[in-house]
PDB file of all heavy atoms in Angstrom:
ATOM      1  N   GLN A   1     -17.604   8.821 -14.696  1.00  0.00           N
ATOM      2  CA  GLN A   1     -17.348   9.036 -16.129  1.00  0.00           C
ATOM      3  C   GLN A   1     -15.737   9.205 -16.281  1.00  0.00           C
ATOM      4  O   GLN A   1     -15.380  10.284 -16.461  1.00  0.00           O
ATOM      5  CB  GLN A   1     -18.071  10.120 -16.757  1.00  0.00           C
ATOM      6  CG  GLN A   1     -19.554   9.926 -16.759  1.00  0.00           C
ATOM      7  CD  GLN A   1     -20.009   8.654 -17.532  1.00  0.00           C
ATOM      8  OE1 GLN A   1     -19.559   8.545 -18.758  1.00  0.00           O
ATOM      9  NE2 GLN A   1     -20.730   7.718 -16.962  1.00  0.00           N
ATOM     10  N   ASP A   2     -15.048   8.182 -15.982  1.00  0.00           N
ATOM     11  CA  ASP A   2     -13.523   8.264 -16.125  1.00  0.00           C
ATOM     12  C   ASP A   2     -13.042   7.845 -17.398  1.00  0.00           C
ATOM     13  O   ASP A   2     -13.937   7.659 -18.338  1.00  0.00           O
ATOM     14  CB  ASP A   2     -12.844   7.418 -15.052  1.00  0.00           C
ATOM     15  CG  ASP A   2     -13.095   5.952 -15.187  1.00  0.00           C
ATOM     16  OD1 ASP A   2     -14.106   5.605 -15.950  1.00  0.00           O
ATOM     17  OD2 ASP A   2     -12.508   5.166 -14.472  1.00  0.00           O
ATOM     18  N   THR A   3     -11.748   7.905 -17.598  1.00  0.00           N
ATOM     19  CA  THR A   3     -11.155   7.369 -18.962  1.00  0.00           C
ATOM     20  C   THR A   3     -10.250   6.332 -18.548  1.00  0.00           C
ATOM     21  O   THR A   3      -9.774   6.087 -17.433  1.00  0.00           O
ATOM     22  CB  THR A   3     -10.443   8.663 -19.599  1.00  0.00           C
ATOM     23  OG1 THR A   3      -9.299   9.091 -18.790  1.00  0.00           O
ATOM     24  CG2 THR A   3     -11.440   9.794 -19.949  1.00  0.00           C
ATOM     25  N   ALA A   4      -9.601   5.728 -19.531  1.00  0.00           N
ATOM     26  CA  ALA A   4      -8.651   4.735 -19.307  1.00  0.00           C
ATOM     27  C   ALA A   4      -7.407   5.342 -18.687  1.00  0.00           C
ATOM     28  O   ALA A   4      -6.841   4.733 -17.739  1.00  0.00           O
ATOM     29  CB  ALA A   4      -8.185   4.085 -20.671  1.00  0.00           C
ATOM     30  N   ILE A   5      -6.940   6.432 -19.144  1.00  0.00           N
ATOM     31  CA  ILE A   5      -5.752   7.000 -18.526  1.00  0.00           C
ATOM     32  C   ILE A   5      -5.975   7.591 -17.259  1.00  0.00           C
ATOM     33  O   ILE A   5      -5.200   7.539 -16.194  1.00  0.00           O
ATOM     34  CB  ILE A   5      -5.329   8.273 -19.518  1.00  0.00           C
ATOM     35  CG1 ILE A   5      -4.775   7.803 -20.892  1.00  0.00           C
ATOM     36  CG2 ILE A   5      -4.148   9.033 -18.755  1.00  0.00           C
ATOM     37  CD1 ILE A   5      -3.567   6.788 -20.807  1.00  0.00           C
ATOM     38  N   MET A   6      -7.185   8.146 -16.884  1.00  0.00           N
ATOM     39  CA  MET A   6      -7.513   8.491 -15.419  1.00  0.00           C
ATOM     40  C   MET A   6      -7.370   7.273 -14.574  1.00  0.00           C
ATOM     41  O   MET A   6      -6.934   7.383 -13.389  1.00  0.00           O
ATOM     42  CB  MET A   6      -8.940   9.010 -15.382  1.00  0.00           C
ATOM     43  CG  MET A   6      -9.074  10.350 -15.960  1.00  0.00           C
ATOM     44  SD  MET A   6     -10.819  10.915 -16.015  1.00  0.00           S
ATOM     45  CE  MET A   6     -11.318  11.049 -14.413  1.00  0.00           C
ATOM     46  N   HIS A   7      -7.829   6.081 -15.045  1.00  0.00           N
ATOM     47  CA  HIS A   7      -7.748   5.001 -14.218  1.00  0.00           C
ATOM     48  C   HIS A   7      -6.280   4.562 -13.757  1.00  0.00           C
ATOM     49  O   HIS A   7      -6.121   3.997 -12.578  1.00  0.00           O
ATOM     50  CB  HIS A   7      -8.327   3.675 -14.899  1.00  0.00           C
ATOM     51  CG  HIS A   7      -8.777   2.512 -13.977  1.00  0.00           C
ATOM     52  ND1 HIS A   7      -9.728   2.719 -13.071  1.00  0.00           N
ATOM     53  CD2 HIS A   7      -8.316   1.344 -13.984  1.00  0.00           C
ATOM     54  CE1 HIS A   7      -9.867   1.502 -12.439  1.00  0.00           C
ATOM     55  NE2 HIS A   7      -8.948   0.700 -12.941  1.00  0.00           N
ATOM     56  N   PHE A   8      -5.253   4.892 -14.548  1.00  0.00           N
ATOM     57  CA  PHE A   8      -3.864   4.727 -14.165  1.00  0.00           C
ATOM     58  C   PHE A   8      -3.684   5.447 -12.867  1.00  0.00           C
ATOM     59  O   PHE A   8      -3.052   4.784 -11.831  1.00  0.00           O
ATOM     60  CB  PHE A   8      -3.035   5.217 -15.163  1.00  0.00           C
ATOM     61  CG  PHE A   8      -2.709   4.424 -16.272  1.00  0.00           C
ATOM     62  CD1 PHE A   8      -3.545   4.258 -17.373  1.00  0.00           C
ATOM     63  CD2 PHE A   8      -1.488   3.468 -16.332  1.00  0.00           C
ATOM     64  CE1 PHE A   8      -3.296   3.492 -18.479  1.00  0.00           C
ATOM     65  CE2 PHE A   8      -1.389   2.588 -17.406  1.00  0.00           C
ATOM     66  CZ  PHE A   8      -2.173   2.585 -18.476  1.00  0.00           C
ATOM     67  N   TYR A   9      -4.060   6.567 -12.660  1.00  0.00           N
ATOM     68  CA  TYR A   9      -3.840   7.485 -11.485  1.00  0.00           C
ATOM     69  C   TYR A   9      -4.795   7.234 -10.311  1.00  0.00           C
ATOM     70  O   TYR A   9      -4.330   7.335  -9.232  1.00  0.00           O
ATOM     71  CB  TYR A   9      -3.934   8.982 -11.884  1.00  0.00           C
ATOM     72  CG  TYR A   9      -2.873   9.305 -12.937  1.00  0.00           C
ATOM     73  CD1 TYR A   9      -3.252   9.300 -14.233  1.00  0.00           C
ATOM     74  CD2 TYR A   9      -1.489   9.593 -12.620  1.00  0.00           C
ATOM     75  CE1 TYR A   9      -2.316   9.601 -15.321  1.00  0.00           C
ATOM     76  CE2 TYR A   9      -0.589   9.799 -13.608  1.00  0.00           C
ATOM     77  CZ  TYR A   9      -0.930   9.900 -14.845  1.00  0.00           C
ATOM     78  OH  TYR A   9      -0.069  10.075 -15.876  1.00  0.00           O
ATOM     79  N   GLU A  10      -6.010   6.698 -10.584  1.00  0.00           N
ATOM     80  CA  GLU A  10      -6.933   6.545  -9.644  1.00  0.00           C
ATOM     81  C   GLU A  10      -6.788   5.063  -8.933  1.00  0.00           C
ATOM     82  O   GLU A  10      -7.235   4.855  -7.839  1.00  0.00           O
ATOM     83  CB  GLU A  10      -8.396   6.618 -10.181  1.00  0.00           C
ATOM     84  CG  GLU A  10      -8.677   8.049 -10.626  1.00  0.00           C
ATOM     85  CD  GLU A  10     -10.083   8.247 -11.172  1.00  0.00           C
ATOM     86  OE1 GLU A  10     -10.704   7.298 -11.468  1.00  0.00           O
ATOM     87  OE2 GLU A  10     -10.470   9.333 -11.452  1.00  0.00           O
ATOM     88  N   LYS A  11      -6.114   4.112  -9.707  1.00  0.00           N
ATOM     89  CA  LYS A  11      -5.962   2.867  -9.246  1.00  0.00           C
ATOM     90  C   LYS A  11      -4.488   2.197  -9.507  1.00  0.00           C
ATOM     91  O   LYS A  11      -3.807   1.948  -8.624  1.00  0.00           O
ATOM     92  CB  LYS A  11      -7.001   1.947  -9.623  1.00  0.00           C
ATOM     93  CG  LYS A  11      -6.804   0.372  -9.263  1.00  0.00           C
ATOM     94  CD  LYS A  11      -7.845  -0.457  -9.657  1.00  0.00           C
ATOM     95  CE  LYS A  11      -7.494  -2.012  -9.275  1.00  0.00           C
ATOM     96  NZ  LYS A  11      -8.547  -2.987  -9.805  1.00  0.00           N
ATOM     97  N   LEU A  12      -4.220   2.049 -10.829  1.00  0.00           N
ATOM     98  CA  LEU A  12      -3.134   1.240 -11.219  1.00  0.00           C
ATOM     99  C   LEU A  12      -1.803   1.621 -10.642  1.00  0.00           C
ATOM    100  O   LEU A  12      -0.986   0.728 -10.067  1.00  0.00           O
ATOM    101  CB  LEU A  12      -2.963   1.121 -12.792  1.00  0.00           C
ATOM    102  CG  LEU A  12      -4.209   0.775 -13.435  1.00  0.00           C
ATOM    103  CD1 LEU A  12      -4.010   0.425 -14.918  1.00  0.00           C
ATOM    104  CD2 LEU A  12      -4.975  -0.462 -12.798  1.00  0.00           C
ATOM    105  N   LEU A  13      -1.566   2.959 -10.655  1.00  0.00           N
ATOM    106  CA  LEU A  13      -0.104   3.494 -10.050  1.00  0.00           C
ATOM    107  C   LEU A  13      -0.055   3.276  -8.623  1.00  0.00           C
ATOM    108  O   LEU A  13       0.930   3.527  -8.070  1.00  0.00           O
ATOM    109  CB  LEU A  13       0.045   4.746 -10.494  1.00  0.00           C
ATOM    110  CG  LEU A  13       0.291   5.096 -12.110  1.00  0.00           C
ATOM    111  CD1 LEU A  13       0.367   6.441 -12.411  1.00  0.00           C
ATOM    112  CD2 LEU A  13       1.478   4.263 -12.542  1.00  0.00           C
ATOM    113  N   LYS A  14      -1.200   3.031  -7.970  1.00  0.00           N
ATOM    114  CA  LYS A  14      -1.123   2.955  -6.432  1.00  0.00           C
ATOM    115  C   LYS A  14      -0.909   1.504  -6.032  1.00  0.00           C
ATOM    116  O   LYS A  14      -0.500   1.321  -4.857  1.00  0.00           O
ATOM    117  CB  LYS A  14      -2.549   3.405  -5.786  1.00  0.00           C
ATOM    118  CG  LYS A  14      -2.942   4.754  -6.181  1.00  0.00           C
ATOM    119  CD  LYS A  14      -4.309   5.149  -5.700  1.00  0.00           C
ATOM    120  CE  LYS A  14      -4.777   6.535  -5.883  1.00  0.00           C
ATOM    121  NZ  LYS A  14      -6.165   6.832  -5.295  1.00  0.00           N
ATOM    122  N   LEU A  15      -1.030   0.596  -6.832  1.00  0.00           N
ATOM    123  CA  LEU A  15      -0.919  -0.847  -6.395  1.00  0.00           C
ATOM    124  C   LEU A  15       0.424  -1.388  -6.019  1.00  0.00           C
ATOM    125  O   LEU A  15       0.559  -2.172  -5.193  1.00  0.00           O
ATOM    126  CB  LEU A  15      -1.520  -1.758  -7.520  1.00  0.00           C
ATOM    127  CG  LEU A  15      -3.049  -1.518  -7.882  1.00  0.00           C
ATOM    128  CD1 LEU A  15      -3.358  -2.378  -9.056  1.00  0.00           C
ATOM    129  CD2 LEU A  15      -3.948  -1.733  -6.666  1.00  0.00           C
ATOM    130  N   LYS A  16       1.398  -0.742  -6.578  1.00  0.00           N
ATOM    131  CA  LYS A  16       2.774  -1.258  -6.349  1.00  0.00           C
ATOM    132  C   LYS A  16       3.036  -1.084  -4.741  1.00  0.00           C
ATOM    133  O   LYS A  16       3.660  -2.086  -4.206  1.00  0.00           O
ATOM    134  CB  LYS A  16       3.792  -0.354  -7.007  1.00  0.00           C
ATOM    135  CG  LYS A  16       5.314  -0.609  -6.598  1.00  0.00           C
ATOM    136  CD  LYS A  16       6.265   0.336  -7.366  1.00  0.00           C
ATOM    137  CE  LYS A  16       6.210   1.798  -7.011  1.00  0.00           C
ATOM    138  NZ  LYS A  16       6.794   2.041  -5.587  1.00  0.00           N
ATOM    139  N   ASP A  17       2.670  -0.065  -4.152  1.00  0.00           N
ATOM    140  CA  ASP A  17       2.872   0.082  -2.814  1.00  0.00           C
ATOM    141  C   ASP A  17       1.853  -0.631  -1.845  1.00  0.00           C
ATOM    142  O   ASP A  17       1.925  -0.433  -0.574  1.00  0.00           O
ATOM    143  CB  ASP A  17       2.808   1.601  -2.346  1.00  0.00           C
ATOM    144  CG  ASP A  17       3.891   2.366  -3.088  1.00  0.00           C
ATOM    145  OD1 ASP A  17       5.094   1.763  -3.347  1.00  0.00           O
ATOM    146  OD2 ASP A  17       3.681   3.515  -3.450  1.00  0.00           O
ATOM    147  N   LEU A  18       0.942  -1.476  -2.465  1.00  0.00           N
ATOM    148  CA  LEU A  18      -0.013  -2.130  -1.688  1.00  0.00           C
ATOM    149  C   LEU A  18       0.199  -3.562  -1.600  1.00  0.00           C
ATOM    150  O   LEU A  18      -0.531  -4.328  -1.100  1.00  0.00           O
ATOM    151  CB  LEU A  18      -1.439  -1.887  -2.164  1.00  0.00           C
ATOM    152  CG  LEU A  18      -1.800  -0.482  -2.160  1.00  0.00           C
ATOM    153  CD1 LEU A  18      -3.276  -0.188  -2.761  1.00  0.00           C
ATOM    154  CD2 LEU A  18      -1.920   0.149  -0.774  1.00  0.00           C
ATOM    155  N   MET A  19       1.314  -4.032  -2.099  1.00  0.00           N
ATOM    156  CA  MET A  19       1.730  -5.435  -2.127  1.00  0.00           C
ATOM    157  C   MET A  19       2.088  -5.912  -0.754  1.00  0.00           C
ATOM    158  O   MET A  19       2.742  -5.163  -0.005  1.00  0.00           O
ATOM    159  CB  MET A  19       2.851  -5.675  -3.210  1.00  0.00           C
ATOM    160  CG  MET A  19       2.458  -5.409  -4.624  1.00  0.00           C
ATOM    161  SD  MET A  19       1.021  -6.445  -5.255  1.00  0.00           S
ATOM    162  CE  MET A  19       0.695  -5.467  -6.623  1.00  0.00           C
ATOM    163  N   HIS A  20       1.834  -7.211  -0.524  1.00  0.00           N
ATOM    164  CA  HIS A  20       2.268  -7.802   0.835  1.00  0.00           C
ATOM    165  C   HIS A  20       3.481  -8.650   0.838  1.00  0.00           C
ATOM    166  O   HIS A  20       4.287  -8.484   1.704  1.00  0.00           O
ATOM    167  CB  HIS A  20       1.048  -8.583   1.319  1.00  0.00           C
ATOM    168  CG  HIS A  20      -0.223  -7.838   1.447  1.00  0.00           C
ATOM    169  ND1 HIS A  20      -0.514  -6.880   2.365  1.00  0.00           N
ATOM    170  CD2 HIS A  20      -1.393  -7.837   0.654  1.00  0.00           C
ATOM    171  CE1 HIS A  20      -1.729  -6.377   2.184  1.00  0.00           C
ATOM    172  NE2 HIS A  20      -2.184  -6.893   1.141  1.00  0.00           N
ATOM    173  N   THR A  21       3.564  -9.530  -0.138  1.00  0.00           N
ATOM    174  CA  THR A  21       4.674 -10.521  -0.122  1.00  0.00           C
ATOM    175  C   THR A  21       5.924  -9.932  -0.851  1.00  0.00           C
ATOM    176  O   THR A  21       5.789  -9.131  -1.740  1.00  0.00           O
ATOM    177  CB  THR A  21       4.287 -11.842  -0.777  1.00  0.00           C
ATOM    178  OG1 THR A  21       3.997 -11.484  -2.137  1.00  0.00           O
ATOM    179  CG2 THR A  21       3.056 -12.442  -0.261  1.00  0.00           C
ATOM    180  N   ASP A  22       7.087 -10.365  -0.478  1.00  0.00           N
ATOM    181  CA  ASP A  22       8.324 -10.041  -1.041  1.00  0.00           C
ATOM    182  C   ASP A  22       8.354 -10.211  -2.654  1.00  0.00           C
ATOM    183  O   ASP A  22       8.755  -9.473  -3.317  1.00  0.00           O
ATOM    184  CB  ASP A  22       9.550 -10.578  -0.408  1.00  0.00           C
ATOM    185  CG  ASP A  22       9.681  -9.958   0.928  1.00  0.00           C
ATOM    186  OD1 ASP A  22       9.175  -8.820   1.169  1.00  0.00           O
ATOM    187  OD2 ASP A  22      10.407 -10.562   1.833  1.00  0.00           O
ATOM    188  N   TYR A  23       7.917 -11.368  -2.923  1.00  0.00           N
ATOM    189  CA  TYR A  23       7.832 -11.857  -4.333  1.00  0.00           C
ATOM    190  C   TYR A  23       7.012 -10.829  -5.158  1.00  0.00           C
ATOM    191  O   TYR A  23       7.450 -10.462  -6.152  1.00  0.00           O
ATOM    192  CB  TYR A  23       7.285 -13.272  -4.540  1.00  0.00           C
ATOM    193  CG  TYR A  23       7.386 -13.883  -5.790  1.00  0.00           C
ATOM    194  CD1 TYR A  23       8.722 -14.549  -6.266  1.00  0.00           C
ATOM    195  CD2 TYR A  23       6.502 -13.760  -6.757  1.00  0.00           C
ATOM    196  CE1 TYR A  23       8.719 -15.066  -7.458  1.00  0.00           C
ATOM    197  CE2 TYR A  23       6.515 -14.358  -8.002  1.00  0.00           C
ATOM    198  CZ  TYR A  23       7.632 -14.982  -8.343  1.00  0.00           C
ATOM    199  OH  TYR A  23       7.770 -15.399  -9.718  1.00  0.00           O
ATOM    200  N   ALA A  24       5.780 -10.618  -4.573  1.00  0.00           N
ATOM    201  CA  ALA A  24       4.940  -9.717  -5.370  1.00  0.00           C
ATOM    202  C   ALA A  24       5.531  -8.319  -5.450  1.00  0.00           C
ATOM    203  O   ALA A  24       5.318  -7.560  -6.455  1.00  0.00           O
ATOM    204  CB  ALA A  24       3.564  -9.626  -4.682  1.00  0.00           C
ATOM    205  N   LYS A  25       6.139  -7.818  -4.399  1.00  0.00           N
ATOM    206  CA  LYS A  25       6.702  -6.429  -4.278  1.00  0.00           C
ATOM    207  C   LYS A  25       7.788  -6.305  -5.488  1.00  0.00           C
ATOM    208  O   LYS A  25       7.936  -5.316  -6.109  1.00  0.00           O
ATOM    209  CB  LYS A  25       7.338  -6.221  -3.078  1.00  0.00           C
ATOM    210  CG  LYS A  25       6.318  -5.945  -1.876  1.00  0.00           C
ATOM    211  CD  LYS A  25       7.054  -5.730  -0.574  1.00  0.00           C
ATOM    212  CE  LYS A  25       5.950  -5.540   0.504  1.00  0.00           C
ATOM    213  NZ  LYS A  25       6.795  -5.546   1.848  1.00  0.00           N
ATOM    214  N   LYS A  26       8.703  -7.444  -5.701  1.00  0.00           N
ATOM    215  CA  LYS A  26       9.662  -7.389  -6.679  1.00  0.00           C
ATOM    216  C   LYS A  26       9.009  -7.402  -8.026  1.00  0.00           C
ATOM    217  O   LYS A  26       9.380  -6.518  -8.963  1.00  0.00           O
ATOM    218  CB  LYS A  26      10.533  -8.696  -6.577  1.00  0.00           C
ATOM    219  CG  LYS A  26      11.563  -8.689  -7.568  1.00  0.00           C
ATOM    220  CD  LYS A  26      12.351 -10.085  -7.287  1.00  0.00           C
ATOM    221  CE  LYS A  26      13.635 -10.126  -8.443  1.00  0.00           C
ATOM    222  NZ  LYS A  26      14.478 -11.294  -8.147  1.00  0.00           N
ATOM    223  N   LEU A  27       8.070  -8.247  -8.261  1.00  0.00           N
ATOM    224  CA  LEU A  27       7.355  -8.113  -9.626  1.00  0.00           C
ATOM    225  C   LEU A  27       6.678  -6.905  -9.824  1.00  0.00           C
ATOM    226  O   LEU A  27       6.524  -6.266 -11.007  1.00  0.00           O
ATOM    227  CB  LEU A  27       6.307  -9.279  -9.801  1.00  0.00           C
ATOM    228  CG  LEU A  27       6.952 -10.673  -9.808  1.00  0.00           C
ATOM    229  CD1 LEU A  27       5.715 -11.644 -10.115  1.00  0.00           C
ATOM    230  CD2 LEU A  27       7.892 -10.831 -10.955  1.00  0.00           C
ATOM    231  N   ALA A  28       6.073  -6.258  -8.879  1.00  0.00           N
ATOM    232  CA  ALA A  28       5.318  -5.008  -8.974  1.00  0.00           C
ATOM    233  C   ALA A  28       6.191  -3.845  -9.409  1.00  0.00           C
ATOM    234  O   ALA A  28       5.807  -2.994 -10.181  1.00  0.00           O
ATOM    235  CB  ALA A  28       4.559  -4.752  -7.721  1.00  0.00           C
ATOM    236  N   GLU A  29       7.423  -3.835  -8.891  1.00  0.00           N
ATOM    237  CA  GLU A  29       8.425  -2.716  -9.243  1.00  0.00           C
ATOM    238  C   GLU A  29       8.620  -2.601 -10.695  1.00  0.00           C
ATOM    239  O   GLU A  29       8.493  -1.422 -11.287  1.00  0.00           O
ATOM    240  CB  GLU A  29       9.775  -2.944  -8.387  1.00  0.00           C
ATOM    241  CG  GLU A  29       9.686  -2.708  -7.039  1.00  0.00           C
ATOM    242  CD  GLU A  29       9.661  -1.245  -6.579  1.00  0.00           C
ATOM    243  OE1 GLU A  29       9.927  -0.390  -7.499  1.00  0.00           O
ATOM    244  OE2 GLU A  29       9.491  -1.078  -5.539  1.00  0.00           O
ATOM    245  N   GLN A  30       8.874  -3.790 -11.428  1.00  0.00           N
ATOM    246  CA  GLN A  30       9.174  -3.822 -12.758  1.00  0.00           C
ATOM    247  C   GLN A  30       7.933  -3.463 -13.629  1.00  0.00           C
ATOM    248  O   GLN A  30       7.969  -2.660 -14.667  1.00  0.00           O
ATOM    249  CB  GLN A  30       9.880  -5.168 -13.254  1.00  0.00           C
ATOM    250  CG  GLN A  30       9.079  -6.262 -12.928  1.00  0.00           C
ATOM    251  CD  GLN A  30       9.882  -7.574 -13.214  1.00  0.00           C
ATOM    252  OE1 GLN A  30      11.021  -7.584 -12.671  1.00  0.00           O
ATOM    253  NE2 GLN A  30       9.264  -8.594 -13.815  1.00  0.00           N
ATOM    254  N   ARG A  31       6.713  -3.986 -13.227  1.00  0.00           N
ATOM    255  CA  ARG A  31       5.507  -3.778 -13.866  1.00  0.00           C
ATOM    256  C   ARG A  31       5.089  -2.262 -13.608  1.00  0.00           C
ATOM    257  O   ARG A  31       4.548  -1.675 -14.681  1.00  0.00           O
ATOM    258  CB  ARG A  31       4.370  -4.600 -13.228  1.00  0.00           C
ATOM    259  CG  ARG A  31       4.592  -6.069 -13.652  1.00  0.00           C
ATOM    260  CD  ARG A  31       3.497  -6.983 -13.250  1.00  0.00           C
ATOM    261  NE  ARG A  31       3.670  -8.371 -13.417  1.00  0.00           N
ATOM    262  CZ  ARG A  31       2.808  -9.251 -13.774  1.00  0.00           C
ATOM    263  NH1 ARG A  31       1.593  -8.939 -13.886  1.00  0.00           N
ATOM    264  NH2 ARG A  31       3.128 -10.584 -13.982  1.00  0.00           N
ATOM    265  N   HIS A  32       5.388  -1.605 -12.476  1.00  0.00           N
ATOM    266  CA  HIS A  32       5.070  -0.245 -12.206  1.00  0.00           C
ATOM    267  C   HIS A  32       5.895   0.576 -13.246  1.00  0.00           C
ATOM    268  O   HIS A  32       5.348   1.523 -13.779  1.00  0.00           O
ATOM    269  CB  HIS A  32       5.303   0.033 -10.833  1.00  0.00           C
ATOM    270  CG  HIS A  32       4.971   1.555 -10.524  1.00  0.00           C
ATOM    271  ND1 HIS A  32       3.727   1.915 -10.080  1.00  0.00           N
ATOM    272  CD2 HIS A  32       5.843   2.530 -10.438  1.00  0.00           C
ATOM    273  CE1 HIS A  32       3.804   3.134  -9.778  1.00  0.00           C
ATOM    274  NE2 HIS A  32       5.006   3.636 -10.064  1.00  0.00           N
TER     275      HIS A  32
END
């Protein structure tokens, strides 16, 4: 029973540091 805001912390804000390719890492920085 999570919320939309909880999901940021449980998943979305973690994704930037999980990218593999340099191109994705660059895009992830600005999206994060």
